[in-house]
Amino acid sequence: MSYTIETHVHKNSANKVFDCVEQCVWYYANGGTWATTSDGFKLTMGGSGTAGLLRFMSQDGQEAFFVAMGVHNYKPWVDIITGLGNDVTGVKALPEYYNDTNPPRVASRESQRTSQSINSITNRVISVNYTVAEGNNLKLDITIG
C-alpha cells in the first residue's frame, strides 16, 4: 500500500534564505519519488518501510540541515539533523537510518516521532510536525525559524 507525505515549508527567517538543495528516497518498499508543489514537496513511497530526505542550505552556504521522513511499521516518523558539514549529503545520511553505522538515526526512525524542534548551531529553530499523521496521505509542516 503506497503512502504520500505532502510537505509544506514555512520560512520565518527574514535574515537568511534557505533553499532545498537535495531530495532523495530510500529504495525499500519499492522506493518512491519526489514532486515539487506550490509550497513544498510531495514524497510518494511504494509502501511502509521506506523514507525520503530533504536537505536545506542557506544561500550563503554557511548553514545546512536535513529533514528525514518516512513510514516505519505503518506509522510516520521524522528526524531533523542540523549543523551539517559540506560532506554530509542526503545520499550519505539516508542509509544510516537503515543500517547499524549510526544507531541514533536508527532509533529516531524506530521511535516513530511525529514532531520535533531543534535549535541549530546559530540558535535558529527548525521545527517539523505532522499535521496529518494517520492513514496513507500524510501532511508534514517544516518551519525554518
N, C-alpha and C. Protein backbone atom coordinates (compact mmCIF):
# COMPACT_ATOMS: atom_id res chain seq x y z
N MET A 1 0.85 -1.17 0.00
CA MET A 1 0.00 0.00 0.00
C MET A 1 0.90 1.24 0.00
N SER A 2 0.66 2.16 -0.91
CA SER A 2 1.52 3.34 -1.03
C SER A 2 1.17 4.40 0.01
N TYR A 3 2.14 5.29 0.22
CA TYR A 3 1.98 6.41 1.14
C TYR A 3 2.46 7.68 0.46
N THR A 4 1.87 8.80 0.83
CA THR A 4 2.39 10.10 0.42
C THR A 4 2.61 10.95 1.66
N ILE A 5 3.63 11.81 1.57
CA ILE A 5 3.86 12.82 2.60
C ILE A 5 3.92 14.16 1.87
N GLU A 6 2.87 14.95 2.03
CA GLU A 6 2.83 16.30 1.47
C GLU A 6 3.52 17.22 2.46
N THR A 7 4.61 17.82 2.02
CA THR A 7 5.47 18.61 2.91
C THR A 7 5.36 20.09 2.58
N HIS A 8 4.94 20.87 3.56
CA HIS A 8 4.85 22.33 3.40
C HIS A 8 6.02 22.97 4.12
N VAL A 9 6.71 23.88 3.44
CA VAL A 9 7.88 24.54 4.02
C VAL A 9 7.50 25.98 4.34
N HIS A 10 7.68 26.35 5.61
CA HIS A 10 7.40 27.70 6.09
C HIS A 10 8.73 28.33 6.49
N LYS A 11 9.04 29.47 5.90
CA LYS A 11 10.30 30.16 6.20
C LYS A 11 9.98 31.43 6.99
N ASN A 12 10.30 31.38 8.28
CA ASN A 12 10.02 32.52 9.15
C ASN A 12 11.20 33.47 9.28
N SER A 13 12.34 33.08 8.73
CA SER A 13 13.54 33.87 8.91
C SER A 13 13.74 34.85 7.77
N ALA A 14 13.77 36.12 8.10
CA ALA A 14 14.00 37.14 7.07
C ALA A 14 15.49 37.41 6.88
N ASN A 15 16.32 37.00 7.86
CA ASN A 15 17.73 37.33 7.78
C ASN A 15 18.57 36.30 7.02
N LYS A 16 18.01 35.14 6.70
CA LYS A 16 18.75 34.14 5.97
C LYS A 16 17.78 33.32 5.13
N VAL A 17 18.11 33.13 3.90
CA VAL A 17 17.25 32.37 2.99
C VAL A 17 17.82 30.97 2.83
N PHE A 18 16.95 29.98 2.96
CA PHE A 18 17.33 28.58 2.80
C PHE A 18 16.65 28.02 1.56
N ASP A 19 17.40 27.22 0.81
CA ASP A 19 16.87 26.53 -0.35
C ASP A 19 17.01 25.03 -0.14
N CYS A 20 16.08 24.28 -0.71
CA CYS A 20 16.22 22.83 -0.72
C CYS A 20 17.23 22.49 -1.80
N VAL A 21 18.34 21.86 -1.42
CA VAL A 21 19.41 21.56 -2.37
C VAL A 21 19.50 20.08 -2.72
N GLU A 22 18.71 19.25 -2.03
CA GLU A 22 18.75 17.82 -2.34
C GLU A 22 17.47 17.15 -1.87
N GLN A 23 16.99 16.22 -2.69
CA GLN A 23 15.85 15.37 -2.37
C GLN A 23 16.29 13.94 -2.67
N CYS A 24 16.12 13.03 -1.73
CA CYS A 24 16.47 11.64 -2.01
C CYS A 24 15.45 10.71 -1.37
N VAL A 25 15.41 9.46 -1.86
CA VAL A 25 14.45 8.47 -1.40
C VAL A 25 15.19 7.16 -1.17
N TRP A 26 14.87 6.48 -0.06
CA TRP A 26 15.41 5.17 0.21
C TRP A 26 14.71 4.16 -0.69
N TYR A 27 15.37 3.06 -1.00
CA TYR A 27 14.86 2.13 -2.01
C TYR A 27 13.98 1.01 -1.47
N TYR A 28 13.84 0.87 -0.15
CA TYR A 28 12.97 -0.19 0.38
C TYR A 28 11.51 0.07 0.00
N ALA A 29 10.68 -0.96 0.08
CA ALA A 29 9.23 -0.87 -0.20
C ALA A 29 8.96 -0.25 -1.56
N ASN A 30 9.72 -0.66 -2.55
CA ASN A 30 9.58 -0.16 -3.92
C ASN A 30 9.96 1.30 -4.08
N GLY A 31 10.73 1.84 -3.14
CA GLY A 31 11.25 3.20 -3.29
C GLY A 31 10.17 4.26 -3.33
N GLY A 32 10.45 5.32 -4.07
CA GLY A 32 9.50 6.42 -4.17
C GLY A 32 10.01 7.53 -5.06
N THR A 33 9.25 8.60 -5.08
CA THR A 33 9.60 9.77 -5.89
C THR A 33 9.25 11.05 -5.14
N TRP A 34 9.92 12.13 -5.52
CA TRP A 34 9.61 13.46 -5.03
C TRP A 34 8.99 14.28 -6.15
N ALA A 35 8.06 15.14 -5.81
CA ALA A 35 7.49 16.13 -6.73
C ALA A 35 7.51 17.47 -6.02
N THR A 36 7.68 18.54 -6.78
CA THR A 36 7.61 19.89 -6.23
C THR A 36 6.17 20.38 -6.29
N THR A 37 5.72 21.01 -5.20
CA THR A 37 4.39 21.59 -5.14
C THR A 37 4.52 23.10 -4.99
N SER A 38 3.40 23.81 -4.96
CA SER A 38 3.45 25.27 -4.88
C SER A 38 4.07 25.77 -3.58
N ASP A 39 3.95 25.03 -2.50
CA ASP A 39 4.52 25.48 -1.22
C ASP A 39 5.38 24.43 -0.54
N GLY A 40 5.92 23.50 -1.32
CA GLY A 40 6.78 22.49 -0.72
C GLY A 40 7.05 21.34 -1.66
N PHE A 41 6.92 20.13 -1.12
CA PHE A 41 7.29 18.92 -1.84
C PHE A 41 6.31 17.81 -1.49
N LYS A 42 6.22 16.83 -2.35
CA LYS A 42 5.38 15.66 -2.09
C LYS A 42 6.20 14.41 -2.33
N LEU A 43 6.30 13.60 -1.29
CA LEU A 43 7.00 12.32 -1.35
C LEU A 43 5.97 11.22 -1.53
N THR A 44 6.12 10.43 -2.56
CA THR A 44 5.27 9.26 -2.78
C THR A 44 6.14 8.02 -2.61
N MET A 45 5.72 7.11 -1.72
CA MET A 45 6.50 5.91 -1.41
C MET A 45 5.68 4.67 -1.73
N GLY A 46 6.37 3.62 -2.14
CA GLY A 46 5.71 2.39 -2.53
C GLY A 46 5.05 1.63 -1.39
N GLY A 47 5.43 1.89 -0.15
CA GLY A 47 4.85 1.20 0.99
C GLY A 47 5.53 1.58 2.28
N SER A 48 5.10 0.96 3.35
CA SER A 48 5.73 1.16 4.65
C SER A 48 7.13 0.56 4.60
N GLY A 49 8.07 1.21 5.27
CA GLY A 49 9.43 0.69 5.33
C GLY A 49 10.42 1.47 4.49
N THR A 50 10.03 2.65 4.05
CA THR A 50 10.98 3.47 3.31
C THR A 50 10.87 4.92 3.76
N ALA A 51 11.68 5.79 3.17
CA ALA A 51 11.77 7.17 3.64
C ALA A 51 12.33 8.07 2.56
N GLY A 52 12.22 9.36 2.82
CA GLY A 52 12.84 10.37 1.98
C GLY A 52 13.55 11.39 2.84
N LEU A 53 14.34 12.22 2.21
CA LEU A 53 15.12 13.22 2.93
C LEU A 53 15.20 14.48 2.09
N LEU A 54 15.02 15.62 2.74
CA LEU A 54 15.21 16.94 2.12
C LEU A 54 16.37 17.62 2.82
N ARG A 55 17.36 18.06 2.04
CA ARG A 55 18.50 18.79 2.61
C ARG A 55 18.37 20.24 2.22
N PHE A 56 18.49 21.13 3.21
CA PHE A 56 18.39 22.57 3.02
C PHE A 56 19.73 23.22 3.31
N MET A 57 20.04 24.29 2.58
CA MET A 57 21.27 25.04 2.80
C MET A 57 20.96 26.53 2.67
N SER A 58 21.61 27.32 3.52
CA SER A 58 21.47 28.77 3.40
C SER A 58 22.12 29.22 2.09
N GLN A 59 21.60 30.30 1.53
CA GLN A 59 22.12 30.76 0.25
C GLN A 59 23.58 31.18 0.33
N ASP A 60 24.06 31.55 1.52
CA ASP A 60 25.47 31.88 1.66
C ASP A 60 26.34 30.63 1.89
N GLY A 61 25.71 29.46 1.97
CA GLY A 61 26.44 28.21 2.11
C GLY A 61 27.02 27.96 3.49
N GLN A 62 26.64 28.74 4.49
CA GLN A 62 27.23 28.63 5.82
C GLN A 62 26.45 27.77 6.80
N GLU A 63 25.21 27.41 6.45
CA GLU A 63 24.39 26.65 7.38
C GLU A 63 23.55 25.65 6.59
N ALA A 64 23.49 24.41 7.10
CA ALA A 64 22.72 23.37 6.42
C ALA A 64 22.08 22.44 7.43
N PHE A 65 20.96 21.86 7.04
CA PHE A 65 20.27 20.87 7.86
C PHE A 65 19.48 19.96 6.93
N PHE A 66 19.05 18.81 7.47
CA PHE A 66 18.14 17.99 6.69
C PHE A 66 16.99 17.51 7.56
N VAL A 67 15.91 17.17 6.86
CA VAL A 67 14.73 16.57 7.47
C VAL A 67 14.53 15.22 6.79
N ALA A 68 14.60 14.16 7.59
CA ALA A 68 14.31 12.81 7.09
C ALA A 68 12.90 12.46 7.54
N MET A 69 12.16 11.78 6.66
CA MET A 69 10.77 11.43 6.96
C MET A 69 10.43 10.12 6.27
N GLY A 70 9.50 9.40 6.85
CA GLY A 70 9.11 8.16 6.23
C GLY A 70 8.02 7.46 6.99
N VAL A 71 7.82 6.19 6.65
CA VAL A 71 6.83 5.35 7.32
C VAL A 71 7.53 4.07 7.74
N HIS A 72 7.41 3.76 9.02
CA HIS A 72 8.03 2.56 9.61
C HIS A 72 6.94 1.79 10.35
N ASN A 73 6.76 0.52 10.00
CA ASN A 73 5.70 -0.29 10.61
C ASN A 73 4.34 0.42 10.55
N TYR A 74 4.08 1.01 9.39
CA TYR A 74 2.79 1.63 9.06
C TYR A 74 2.50 2.91 9.85
N LYS A 75 3.53 3.49 10.45
CA LYS A 75 3.37 4.76 11.17
C LYS A 75 4.44 5.75 10.69
N PRO A 76 4.11 7.04 10.61
CA PRO A 76 5.08 8.03 10.14
C PRO A 76 6.17 8.30 11.17
N TRP A 77 7.30 8.78 10.68
CA TRP A 77 8.39 9.22 11.54
C TRP A 77 9.09 10.41 10.88
N VAL A 78 9.81 11.17 11.70
CA VAL A 78 10.54 12.33 11.19
C VAL A 78 11.77 12.56 12.07
N ASP A 79 12.82 13.15 11.47
CA ASP A 79 14.04 13.46 12.20
C ASP A 79 14.69 14.68 11.56
N ILE A 80 15.25 15.56 12.38
CA ILE A 80 15.97 16.75 11.92
C ILE A 80 17.43 16.60 12.35
N ILE A 81 18.34 16.90 11.44
CA ILE A 81 19.76 16.95 11.77
C ILE A 81 20.28 18.31 11.30
N THR A 82 20.87 19.08 12.21
CA THR A 82 21.40 20.42 11.89
C THR A 82 22.92 20.39 11.93
N GLY A 83 23.54 21.51 11.56
CA GLY A 83 24.99 21.65 11.65
C GLY A 83 25.74 20.75 10.70
N LEU A 84 25.21 20.54 9.52
CA LEU A 84 25.83 19.63 8.56
C LEU A 84 27.11 20.19 7.95
N GLY A 85 28.11 19.35 7.84
CA GLY A 85 29.29 19.70 7.07
C GLY A 85 28.98 19.53 5.59
N ASN A 86 29.84 20.08 4.75
CA ASN A 86 29.62 20.00 3.31
C ASN A 86 29.64 18.58 2.78
N ASP A 87 30.26 17.66 3.52
CA ASP A 87 30.34 16.28 3.05
C ASP A 87 29.15 15.43 3.48
N VAL A 88 28.20 15.99 4.23
CA VAL A 88 27.03 15.24 4.68
C VAL A 88 25.87 15.52 3.73
N THR A 89 25.73 14.66 2.76
CA THR A 89 24.63 14.78 1.80
C THR A 89 23.53 13.80 2.20
N GLY A 90 22.38 13.96 1.60
CA GLY A 90 21.29 13.04 1.85
C GLY A 90 21.62 11.63 1.42
N VAL A 91 22.31 11.50 0.30
CA VAL A 91 22.69 10.18 -0.20
C VAL A 91 23.59 9.46 0.81
N LYS A 92 24.41 10.22 1.52
CA LYS A 92 25.28 9.64 2.55
C LYS A 92 24.49 9.34 3.83
N ALA A 93 23.59 10.25 4.22
CA ALA A 93 22.91 10.15 5.52
C ALA A 93 21.72 9.21 5.53
N LEU A 94 20.94 9.15 4.46
CA LEU A 94 19.70 8.36 4.47
C LEU A 94 19.94 6.87 4.77
N PRO A 95 20.98 6.23 4.23
CA PRO A 95 21.21 4.82 4.57
C PRO A 95 21.47 4.59 6.06
N GLU A 96 21.94 5.61 6.78
CA GLU A 96 22.24 5.45 8.20
C GLU A 96 20.98 5.21 9.03
N TYR A 97 19.81 5.51 8.48
CA TYR A 97 18.55 5.22 9.17
C TYR A 97 18.18 3.74 9.06
N TYR A 98 18.89 3.00 8.18
CA TYR A 98 18.55 1.61 7.90
C TYR A 98 19.69 0.63 8.13
N ASN A 99 20.85 1.10 8.57
CA ASN A 99 21.94 0.17 8.89
C ASN A 99 22.46 0.51 10.28
N ASP A 100 23.44 -0.20 10.75
CA ASP A 100 23.90 -0.01 12.14
C ASP A 100 25.10 0.92 12.26
N THR A 101 25.39 1.73 11.25
CA THR A 101 26.54 2.63 11.33
C THR A 101 26.27 3.86 12.19
N ASN A 102 25.01 4.20 12.41
CA ASN A 102 24.65 5.37 13.21
C ASN A 102 23.41 5.01 14.05
N PRO A 103 23.61 4.32 15.18
CA PRO A 103 22.48 3.85 15.99
C PRO A 103 21.46 4.93 16.38
N PRO A 104 21.86 6.19 16.67
CA PRO A 104 20.84 7.20 16.99
C PRO A 104 19.87 7.46 15.83
N ARG A 105 20.34 7.35 14.60
CA ARG A 105 19.44 7.56 13.46
C ARG A 105 18.45 6.40 13.34
N VAL A 106 18.92 5.18 13.53
CA VAL A 106 18.01 4.03 13.52
C VAL A 106 16.97 4.20 14.63
N ALA A 107 17.41 4.63 15.81
CA ALA A 107 16.50 4.84 16.94
C ALA A 107 15.47 5.91 16.62
N SER A 108 15.87 6.96 15.90
CA SER A 108 14.91 8.00 15.50
C SER A 108 13.83 7.44 14.60
N ARG A 109 14.24 6.64 13.63
CA ARG A 109 13.25 6.01 12.74
C ARG A 109 12.30 5.12 13.53
N GLU A 110 12.87 4.29 14.38
CA GLU A 110 12.06 3.34 15.13
C GLU A 110 11.17 4.00 16.18
N SER A 111 11.51 5.20 16.62
CA SER A 111 10.69 5.89 17.63
C SER A 111 9.37 6.39 17.05
N GLN A 112 9.30 6.51 15.74
CA GLN A 112 8.09 6.97 15.04
C GLN A 112 7.61 8.32 15.60
N ARG A 113 8.57 9.21 15.81
CA ARG A 113 8.28 10.56 16.29
C ARG A 113 7.52 11.32 15.20
N THR A 114 6.49 12.05 15.57
CA THR A 114 5.70 12.80 14.59
C THR A 114 5.92 14.30 14.67
N SER A 115 6.76 14.76 15.60
CA SER A 115 7.13 16.17 15.65
C SER A 115 8.49 16.29 16.32
N GLN A 116 9.18 17.39 16.01
CA GLN A 116 10.50 17.63 16.59
C GLN A 116 10.84 19.09 16.39
N SER A 117 11.60 19.64 17.31
CA SER A 117 12.09 21.01 17.20
C SER A 117 13.54 21.03 17.67
N ILE A 118 14.42 21.59 16.86
CA ILE A 118 15.86 21.60 17.15
C ILE A 118 16.38 23.03 16.99
N ASN A 119 17.26 23.45 17.89
CA ASN A 119 17.99 24.71 17.73
C ASN A 119 19.27 24.41 16.98
N SER A 120 19.51 25.15 15.90
CA SER A 120 20.74 24.96 15.13
C SER A 120 21.91 25.58 15.89
N ILE A 121 23.11 25.42 15.34
CA ILE A 121 24.30 25.99 15.98
C ILE A 121 24.26 27.51 16.01
N THR A 122 23.44 28.12 15.16
CA THR A 122 23.27 29.58 15.17
C THR A 122 22.02 29.98 15.94
N ASN A 123 21.47 29.03 16.70
CA ASN A 123 20.27 29.23 17.53
C ASN A 123 19.00 29.45 16.71
N ARG A 124 19.01 29.02 15.47
CA ARG A 124 17.81 29.05 14.64
C ARG A 124 16.96 27.84 15.00
N VAL A 125 15.65 28.03 15.12
CA VAL A 125 14.76 26.92 15.46
C VAL A 125 14.24 26.28 14.17
N ILE A 126 14.49 24.99 14.03
CA ILE A 126 13.96 24.20 12.92
C ILE A 126 12.92 23.27 13.54
N SER A 127 11.68 23.32 13.04
CA SER A 127 10.60 22.50 13.60
C SER A 127 9.92 21.72 12.50
N VAL A 128 9.48 20.53 12.85
CA VAL A 128 8.67 19.71 11.95
C VAL A 128 7.50 19.15 12.75
N ASN A 129 6.37 19.01 12.07
CA ASN A 129 5.18 18.49 12.72
C ASN A 129 4.25 17.88 11.68
N TYR A 130 3.87 16.62 11.90
CA TYR A 130 2.85 16.02 11.04
C TYR A 130 1.50 16.62 11.42
N THR A 131 0.86 17.30 10.51
CA THR A 131 -0.49 17.81 10.75
C THR A 131 -1.53 16.75 10.42
N VAL A 132 -1.16 15.78 9.59
CA VAL A 132 -1.95 14.57 9.37
C VAL A 132 -0.98 13.40 9.54
N ALA A 133 -1.20 12.62 10.61
CA ALA A 133 -0.27 11.55 10.96
C ALA A 133 -0.92 10.17 10.91
N GLU A 134 -2.11 10.09 10.37
CA GLU A 134 -2.82 8.82 10.26
C GLU A 134 -3.19 8.58 8.81
N GLY A 135 -3.24 7.33 8.42
CA GLY A 135 -3.66 6.98 7.07
C GLY A 135 -2.49 6.95 6.09
N ASN A 136 -2.81 7.04 4.82
CA ASN A 136 -1.80 6.91 3.77
C ASN A 136 -1.43 8.23 3.12
N ASN A 137 -2.19 9.29 3.37
CA ASN A 137 -1.92 10.61 2.79
C ASN A 137 -1.56 11.56 3.93
N LEU A 138 -0.28 11.57 4.27
CA LEU A 138 0.23 12.31 5.42
C LEU A 138 0.60 13.73 5.02
N LYS A 139 0.59 14.62 6.01
CA LYS A 139 0.98 16.02 5.78
C LYS A 139 1.97 16.42 6.85
N LEU A 140 3.06 17.08 6.42
CA LEU A 140 4.14 17.47 7.31
C LEU A 140 4.47 18.94 7.09
N ASP A 141 4.55 19.70 8.18
CA ASP A 141 4.99 21.09 8.12
C ASP A 141 6.45 21.17 8.58
N ILE A 142 7.28 21.87 7.79
CA ILE A 142 8.65 22.18 8.16
C ILE A 142 8.71 23.68 8.34
N THR A 143 9.14 24.14 9.50
CA THR A 143 9.25 25.57 9.78
C THR A 143 10.71 25.91 10.04
N ILE A 144 11.24 26.83 9.24
CA ILE A 144 12.61 27.29 9.37
C ILE A 144 12.55 28.65 10.05
N GLY A 145 12.99 28.71 11.32
CA GLY A 145 12.89 29.95 12.10
C GLY A 145 14.05 30.88 11.87
